[in-house]
PDB file of N, CA and C in Angstrom:
ATOM      1  N   MET A   1       0.748  -1.094   0.016  1.00  0.00           N
ATOM      2  CA  MET A   1      -0.118   0.246  -0.011  1.00  0.00           C
ATOM      3  C   MET A   1       0.753   1.411  -0.021  1.00  0.00           C
ATOM      4  N   LEU A   2       0.564   2.359  -0.731  1.00  0.00           N
ATOM      5  CA  LEU A   2       1.374   3.495  -0.598  1.00  0.00           C
ATOM      6  C   LEU A   2       0.480   4.629  -0.014  1.00  0.00           C
ATOM      7  N   SER A   3       1.818   4.936   0.678  1.00  0.00           N
ATOM      8  CA  SER A   3       1.560   6.010   2.299  1.00  0.00           C
ATOM      9  C   SER A   3       1.858   7.587   1.080  1.00  0.00           C
ATOM     10  N   ARG A   4       0.730   8.506   1.812  1.00  0.00           N
ATOM     11  CA  ARG A   4       0.756   9.738   1.445  1.00  0.00           C
ATOM     12  C   ARG A   4       1.962  10.298   0.727  1.00  0.00           C
ATOM     13  N   SER A   5       3.005   9.563   1.795  1.00  0.00           N
ATOM     14  CA  SER A   5       4.548  10.527   1.129  1.00  0.00           C
ATOM     15  C   SER A   5       4.985  10.403   0.502  1.00  0.00           C
ATOM     16  N   ASN A   6       5.064   8.530  -0.223  1.00  0.00           N
ATOM     17  CA  ASN A   6       5.524   8.139  -0.829  1.00  0.00           C
ATOM     18  C   ASN A   6       4.438   8.915  -2.625  1.00  0.00           C
ATOM     19  N   VAL A   7       3.501   8.506  -2.087  1.00  0.00           N
ATOM     20  CA  VAL A   7       2.703   9.442  -3.280  1.00  0.00           C
ATOM     21  C   VAL A   7       3.299  10.228  -3.627  1.00  0.00           C
ATOM     22  N   GLY A   8       3.515  11.473  -2.461  1.00  0.00           N
ATOM     23  CA  GLY A   8       4.067  13.135  -2.955  1.00  0.00           C
ATOM     24  C   GLY A   8       5.606  12.932  -3.540  1.00  0.00           C
ATOM     25  N   ARG A   9       6.235  11.885  -3.029  1.00  0.00           N
ATOM     26  CA  ARG A   9       7.806  12.250  -3.725  1.00  0.00           C
ATOM     27  C   ARG A   9       7.549  11.263  -5.180  1.00  0.00           C
ATOM     28  N   ARG A  10       6.680  10.756  -5.080  1.00  0.00           N
ATOM     29  CA  ARG A  10       6.418  10.150  -6.695  1.00  0.00           C
ATOM     30  C   ARG A  10       6.150  11.024  -7.922  1.00  0.00           C
ATOM     31  N   SER A  11       4.823  12.027  -7.331  1.00  0.00           N
ATOM     32  CA  SER A  11       4.361  13.004  -8.336  1.00  0.00           C
ATOM     33  C   SER A  11       5.546  14.020  -7.928  1.00  0.00           C
ATOM     34  N   ASN A  12       6.002  14.419  -7.287  1.00  0.00           N
ATOM     35  CA  ASN A  12       6.740  15.062  -7.119  1.00  0.00           C
ATOM     36  C   ASN A  12       8.492  15.040  -8.052  1.00  0.00           C
ATOM     37  N   GLN A  13       8.634  13.955  -8.458  1.00  0.00           N
ATOM     38  CA  GLN A  13       8.984  13.309  -9.487  1.00  0.00           C
ATOM     39  C   GLN A  13       8.876  13.581 -10.457  1.00  0.00           C
ATOM     40  N   LEU A  14       7.360  13.044 -10.762  1.00  0.00           N
ATOM     41  CA  LEU A  14       7.008  13.507 -12.292  1.00  0.00           C
ATOM     42  C   LEU A  14       6.545  14.668 -12.711  1.00  0.00           C
ATOM     43  N   LEU A  15       6.028  15.493 -11.684  1.00  0.00           N
ATOM     44  CA  LEU A  15       5.705  16.990 -12.144  1.00  0.00           C
ATOM     45  C   LEU A  15       6.902  17.765 -12.539  1.00  0.00           C
ATOM     46  N   GLY A  16       8.461  17.585 -11.612  1.00  0.00           N
ATOM     47  CA  GLY A  16       9.705  17.579 -11.795  1.00  0.00           C
ATOM     48  C   GLY A  16       9.761  18.888 -10.875  1.00  0.00           C
ATOM     49  N   HIS A  17       8.926  19.236 -10.012  1.00  0.00           N
ATOM     50  CA  HIS A  17       9.386  19.962  -8.916  1.00  0.00           C
ATOM     51  C   HIS A  17      10.423  19.616  -7.729  1.00  0.00           C
ATOM     52  N   ASN A  18      11.261  20.389  -7.508  1.00  0.00           N
ATOM     53  CA  ASN A  18      11.982  20.466  -6.999  1.00  0.00           C
ATOM     54  C   ASN A  18      11.776  20.465  -5.038  1.00  0.00           C
ATOM     55  N   ASP A  19      10.475  20.764  -4.751  1.00  0.00           N
ATOM     56  CA  ASP A  19      10.594  21.267  -3.662  1.00  0.00           C
ATOM     57  C   ASP A  19       8.882  20.280  -3.584  1.00  0.00           C
ATOM     58  N   VAL A  20       9.018  19.853  -2.241  1.00  0.00           N
ATOM     59  CA  VAL A  20       6.978  19.405  -2.298  1.00  0.00           C
ATOM     60  C   VAL A  20       6.175  19.634  -2.139  1.00  0.00           C
ATOM     61  N   LYS A  21       6.589  21.197  -1.631  1.00  0.00           N
ATOM     62  CA  LYS A  21       5.355  22.099  -1.192  1.00  0.00           C
ATOM     63  C   LYS A  21       5.321  22.729  -2.376  1.00  0.00           C
ATOM     64  N   THR A  22       5.652  22.930  -3.544  1.00  0.00           N
ATOM     65  CA  THR A  22       5.382  22.909  -4.776  1.00  0.00           C
ATOM     66  C   THR A  22       4.244  21.913  -5.570  1.00  0.00           C
ATOM     67  N   THR A  23       4.711  21.388  -5.135  1.00  0.00           N
ATOM     68  CA  THR A  23       3.543  20.076  -5.713  1.00  0.00           C
ATOM     69  C   THR A  23       2.804  19.872  -5.093  1.00  0.00           C
ATOM     70  N   GLU A  24       2.763  20.335  -3.606  1.00  0.00           N
ATOM     71  CA  GLU A  24       1.737  20.374  -2.892  1.00  0.00           C
ATOM     72  C   GLU A  24       0.235  21.333  -3.504  1.00  0.00           C
ATOM     73  N   ILE A  25       0.828  22.047  -3.865  1.00  0.00           N
ATOM     74  CA  ILE A  25      -0.570  23.481  -4.504  1.00  0.00           C
ATOM     75  C   ILE A  25      -0.886  22.594  -5.827  1.00  0.00           C
ATOM     76  N   TYR A  26      -0.244  21.954  -6.354  1.00  0.00           N
ATOM     77  CA  TYR A  26      -1.135  21.373  -7.722  1.00  0.00           C
ATOM     78  C   TYR A  26      -1.785  20.281  -7.377  1.00  0.00           C
ATOM     79  N   THR A  27      -1.685  19.186  -5.911  1.00  0.00           N
ATOM     80  CA  THR A  27      -2.261  18.084  -6.338  1.00  0.00           C
ATOM     81  C   THR A  27      -3.055  18.493  -4.961  1.00  0.00           C
ATOM     82  N   HIS A  28      -4.306  17.487  -4.827  1.00  0.00           N
ATOM     83  CA  HIS A  28      -5.475  17.426  -3.784  1.00  0.00           C
ATOM     84  C   HIS A  28      -5.666  15.824  -3.485  1.00  0.00           C
ATOM     85  N   VAL A  29      -5.372  15.937  -2.639  1.00  0.00           N
ATOM     86  CA  VAL A  29      -5.439  14.377  -2.167  1.00  0.00           C
ATOM     87  C   VAL A  29      -6.663  14.258  -1.234  1.00  0.00           C
ATOM     88  N   ARG A  30      -7.831  13.868  -1.673  1.00  0.00           N
ATOM     89  CA  ARG A  30      -9.525  13.535  -1.412  1.00  0.00           C
ATOM     90  C   ARG A  30      -9.608  12.862   0.109  1.00  0.00           C
ATOM     91  N   ASN A  31     -10.439  13.555   0.506  1.00  0.00           N
ATOM     92  CA  ASN A  31     -10.634  13.271   2.205  1.00  0.00           C
ATOM     93  C   ASN A  31     -11.808  12.532   1.972  1.00  0.00           C
ATOM     94  N   PRO A  32     -11.502  10.627   2.767  1.00  0.00           N
ATOM     95  CA  PRO A  32     -12.830   9.456   2.370  1.00  0.00           C
ATOM     96  C   PRO A  32     -13.840  10.416   2.868  1.00  0.00           C
ATOM     97  N   ASN A  33     -13.894  11.462   4.122  1.00  0.00           N
ATOM     98  CA  ASN A  33     -15.185  11.484   4.461  1.00  0.00           C
ATOM     99  C   ASN A  33     -15.701  12.799   3.714  1.00  0.00           C
ATOM    100  N   GLU A  34     -15.111  13.004   2.580  1.00  0.00           N
ATOM    101  CA  GLU A  34     -15.782  14.297   1.543  1.00  0.00           C
ATOM    102  C   GLU A  34     -17.200  13.831   1.353  1.00  0.00           C
ATOM    103  N   SER A  35     -17.718  13.040   0.495  1.00  0.00           N
ATOM    104  CA  SER A  35     -18.445  12.392   0.122  1.00  0.00           C
ATOM    105  C   SER A  35     -19.804  12.164   1.217  1.00  0.00           C
ATOM    106  N   LYS A  36     -19.526  12.155   2.526  1.00  0.00           N
ATOM    107  CA  LYS A  36     -20.479  12.354   3.657  1.00  0.00           C
ATOM    108  C   LYS A  36     -21.387  13.227   4.088  1.00  0.00           C
ATOM    109  N   VAL A  37     -20.936  14.959   3.529  1.00  0.00           N
ATOM    110  CA  VAL A  37     -21.065  16.326   3.649  1.00  0.00           C
ATOM    111  C   VAL A  37     -21.914  16.576   2.838  1.00  0.00           C
ATOM    112  N   VAL A  38     -23.524  17.150   3.272  1.00  0.00           N
ATOM    113  CA  VAL A  38     -24.152  17.452   2.457  1.00  0.00           C
ATOM    114  C   VAL A  38     -24.172  18.933   2.958  1.00  0.00           C
ATOM    115  N   SER A  39     -24.332  19.585   1.871  1.00  0.00           N
ATOM    116  CA  SER A  39     -24.657  21.326   1.685  1.00  0.00           C
ATOM    117  C   SER A  39     -25.614  21.621   1.767  1.00  0.00           C
ATOM    118  N   PRO A  40     -25.899  22.796   2.366  1.00  0.00           N
ATOM    119  CA  PRO A  40     -27.490  23.211   3.049  1.00  0.00           C
ATOM    120  C   PRO A  40     -28.556  23.038   1.627  1.00  0.00           C
ATOM    121  N   LEU A  41     -28.092  23.233   0.528  1.00  0.00           N
ATOM    122  CA  LEU A  41     -28.848  23.059  -0.664  1.00  0.00           C
ATOM    123  C   LEU A  41     -28.945  22.301  -1.025  1.00  0.00           C
ATOM    124  N   ASP A  42     -28.190  21.159  -0.897  1.00  0.00           N
ATOM    125  CA  ASP A  42     -28.380  19.767  -1.231  1.00  0.00           C
ATOM    126  C   ASP A  42     -29.455  19.356  -0.708  1.00  0.00           C
ATOM    127  N   ARG A  43     -29.828  19.727   0.883  1.00  0.00           N
ATOM    128  CA  ARG A  43     -30.705  18.909   1.745  1.00  0.00           C
ATOM    129  C   ARG A  43     -31.976  19.958   1.727  1.00  0.00           C
ATOM    130  N   LEU A  44     -32.015  20.714   0.956  1.00  0.00           N
ATOM    131  CA  LEU A  44     -33.355  21.917   0.696  1.00  0.00           C
ATOM    132  C   LEU A  44     -34.149  21.318  -0.863  1.00  0.00           C
ATOM    133  N   VAL A  45     -33.013  20.376  -1.423  1.00  0.00           N
ATOM    134  CA  VAL A  45     -33.382  19.938  -2.504  1.00  0.00           C
ATOM    135  C   VAL A  45     -34.235  18.768  -2.004  1.00  0.00           C
ATOM    136  N   GLN A  46     -33.210  17.872  -1.039  1.00  0.00           N
ATOM    137  CA  GLN A  46     -34.387  16.710  -0.615  1.00  0.00           C
ATOM    138  C   GLN A  46     -35.277  16.767  -0.238  1.00  0.00           C
ATOM    139  N   GLU A  47     -35.501  17.385   1.004  1.00  0.00           N
ATOM    140  CA  GLU A  47     -36.435  17.504   1.526  1.00  0.00           C
ATOM    141  C   GLU A  47     -37.454  18.256   0.543  1.00  0.00           C
ATOM    142  N   GLY A  48     -37.799  19.257  -0.392  1.00  0.00           N
ATOM    143  CA  GLY A  48     -38.352  19.470  -1.540  1.00  0.00           C
ATOM    144  C   GLY A  48     -39.034  18.192  -2.174  1.00  0.00           C
ATOM    145  N   ASP A  49     -38.401  16.928  -2.457  1.00  0.00           N
ATOM    146  CA  ASP A  49     -38.547  16.169  -3.441  1.00  0.00           C
ATOM    147  C   ASP A  49     -39.167  15.010  -1.995  1.00  0.00           C
ATOM    148  N   SER A  50     -39.268  14.999  -0.911  1.00  0.00           N
ATOM    149  CA  SER A  50     -39.376  14.329  -0.355  1.00  0.00           C
ATOM    150  C   SER A  50     -40.976  14.425   0.440  1.00  0.00           C
ATOM    151  N   ALA A  51     -40.947  16.205   0.131  1.00  0.00           N
ATOM    152  CA  ALA A  51     -42.579  16.250   0.122  1.00  0.00           C
ATOM    153  C   ALA A  51     -43.451  16.101  -0.985  1.00  0.00           C
ATOM    154  N   GLU A  52     -42.781  16.799  -2.295  1.00  0.00           N
ATOM    155  CA  GLU A  52     -43.308  16.680  -3.729  1.00  0.00           C
ATOM    156  C   GLU A  52     -44.152  14.340  -3.329  1.00  0.00           C
ATOM    157  N   ALA A  53     -43.086  13.727  -2.804  1.00  0.00           N
ATOM    158  CA  ALA A  53     -43.690  12.344  -2.807  1.00  0.00           C
ATOM    159  C   ALA A  53     -44.611  12.152  -1.637  1.00  0.00           C
ATOM    160  N   GLY A  54     -44.650  12.779  -0.818  1.00  0.00           N
ATOM    161  CA  GLY A  54     -45.942  12.740   0.217  1.00  0.00           C
ATOM    162  C   GLY A  54     -47.120  13.061   0.427  1.00  0.00           C
TER     163      GLY A  54
END
């Protein structure tokens, strides 16, 4: 299994950056809990859909 540091170093090499900080600017590691976050607008839409159905 690859750790974040290994992926970061490899990305750093592939992108030709000398500093990991530069690579961090251009890369984004997805948070596994990100999909669990529901925006207030999404809640309103979901509530509207359930009100129409009921």
